[in-house]
Amino acid sequence: MENKCAAESCESKEQSHCKSEECCPVESAIEKWNKSFCQAMHEVQVDILKKKIQSAWGPGMEKAADAVMEAMGVKWQSMLAKGRSHVDLREKMVKIWGEKK
């Protein structure tokens, strides 16, 4: 017995790119499982590489991370000081221009 859904809904569309509600649910499910498999495979590859990178270059990367944190901390404090100086200037200007002569 022929799958009526496949015969009527999917054969007229590219099966791997069903986009309408009329799409065959079987083909849609297969497409989703294929995408999930590829995503899971990628995630496993990333996890394996993370372990290998940590093992091979971990100490150097830790030192690099420390250097980045130190530099970004200085940059962050500088940005805060700059912002504070603008607020202080604004407050002084309001006070100057708000004084009665």
Protein backbone atom coordinates (compact mmCIF):
# COMPACT_ATOMS: atom_id res chain seq x y z
CA MET A 1 0.00 0.00 0.00
CA GLU A 2 1.43 3.36 -1.06
CA ASN A 3 1.85 6.07 1.56
CA LYS A 4 -0.85 8.58 0.55
CA CYS A 5 0.95 11.34 2.44
CA ALA A 6 4.19 10.76 0.55
CA ALA A 7 2.41 10.49 -2.77
CA GLU A 8 0.32 13.63 -2.38
CA SER A 9 2.34 15.96 -0.17
CA CYS A 10 6.02 15.25 -0.46
CA GLU A 11 6.67 14.12 -3.99
CA SER A 12 5.75 17.55 -5.34
CA LYS A 13 8.19 19.29 -2.97
CA GLU A 14 11.87 18.92 -2.36
CA GLN A 15 11.68 16.44 0.49
CA SER A 16 14.65 17.82 2.39
CA HIS A 17 13.20 21.34 2.36
CA CYS A 18 9.56 20.92 3.39
CA LYS A 19 8.28 24.23 4.65
CA SER A 20 4.50 24.03 4.60
CA GLU A 21 2.05 22.36 6.96
CA GLU A 22 1.09 19.99 4.16
CA CYS A 23 4.55 18.45 4.26
CA CYS A 24 4.66 14.77 4.97
CA PRO A 25 5.24 14.32 8.73
CA VAL A 26 7.46 11.30 8.09
CA GLU A 27 9.80 13.26 5.83
CA SER A 28 9.73 16.16 8.28
CA ALA A 29 10.67 13.84 11.16
CA ILE A 30 13.51 12.29 9.14
CA GLU A 31 14.86 15.74 8.29
CA LYS A 32 14.76 16.77 11.97
CA TRP A 33 16.55 13.58 13.06
CA ASN A 34 19.23 14.17 10.42
CA LYS A 35 19.77 17.73 11.65
CA SER A 36 19.89 16.56 15.27
CA PHE A 37 22.43 13.88 14.40
CA CYS A 38 24.69 16.42 12.68
CA GLN A 39 24.37 18.83 15.62
CA ALA A 40 25.16 16.08 18.13
CA MET A 41 28.16 14.93 16.09
CA HIS A 42 29.46 18.51 16.02
CA GLU A 43 28.98 18.88 19.79
CA VAL A 44 30.92 15.66 20.44
CA GLN A 45 33.73 16.87 18.17
CA VAL A 46 33.88 20.17 20.07
CA ASP A 47 33.95 18.36 23.43
CA ILE A 48 36.81 16.11 22.27
CA LEU A 49 38.80 19.06 20.97
CA LYS A 50 38.21 21.02 24.17
CA LYS A 51 39.79 18.20 26.21
CA LYS A 52 42.75 17.91 23.84
CA ILE A 53 43.34 21.66 23.71
CA GLN A 54 43.16 21.90 27.50
CA SER A 55 45.63 19.04 27.83
CA ALA A 56 48.09 20.34 25.22
CA TRP A 57 47.91 24.08 25.73
CA GLY A 58 46.10 24.52 29.03
CA PRO A 59 48.92 26.10 31.05
CA GLY A 60 49.72 28.59 28.29
CA MET A 61 46.06 29.39 27.78
CA GLU A 62 45.65 29.94 31.53
CA LYS A 63 48.50 32.47 31.44
CA ALA A 64 46.98 34.13 28.37
CA ALA A 65 43.59 34.28 30.11
CA ASP A 66 45.23 35.92 33.13
CA ALA A 67 46.86 38.51 30.88
CA VAL A 68 43.56 39.25 29.13
CA MET A 69 41.74 39.55 32.46
CA GLU A 70 44.37 41.95 33.79
CA ALA A 71 44.28 44.12 30.65
CA MET A 72 40.48 44.13 30.49
CA GLY A 73 40.31 45.02 34.18
CA VAL A 74 42.49 48.07 33.58
CA LYS A 75 40.42 48.99 30.51
CA TRP A 76 37.16 48.57 32.46
CA GLN A 77 38.37 50.74 35.33
CA SER A 78 39.49 53.36 32.81
CA MET A 79 36.05 53.37 31.19
CA LEU A 80 34.39 53.78 34.58
CA ALA A 81 36.71 56.68 35.46
CA LYS A 82 36.00 58.32 32.11
CA GLY A 83 32.26 57.95 32.65
CA ARG A 84 32.57 59.38 36.15
CA SER A 85 34.54 62.37 34.83
CA HIS A 86 31.74 63.12 32.35
CA VAL A 87 29.15 62.96 35.12
CA ASP A 88 31.27 65.23 37.31
CA LEU A 89 31.72 67.73 34.46
CA ARG A 90 28.00 67.71 33.73
CA GLU A 91 27.19 68.35 37.39
CA LYS A 92 29.68 71.24 37.52
CA MET A 93 28.24 72.76 34.32
CA VAL A 94 24.71 72.58 35.71
CA LYS A 95 25.91 74.24 38.88
CA ILE A 96 27.82 76.98 36.96
CA TRP A 97 25.01 77.79 34.56
CA GLY A 98 22.37 77.47 37.25
CA GLU A 99 23.91 80.13 39.48
CA LYS A 100 22.27 83.52 39.62
CA LYS A 101 24.48 86.48 38.83
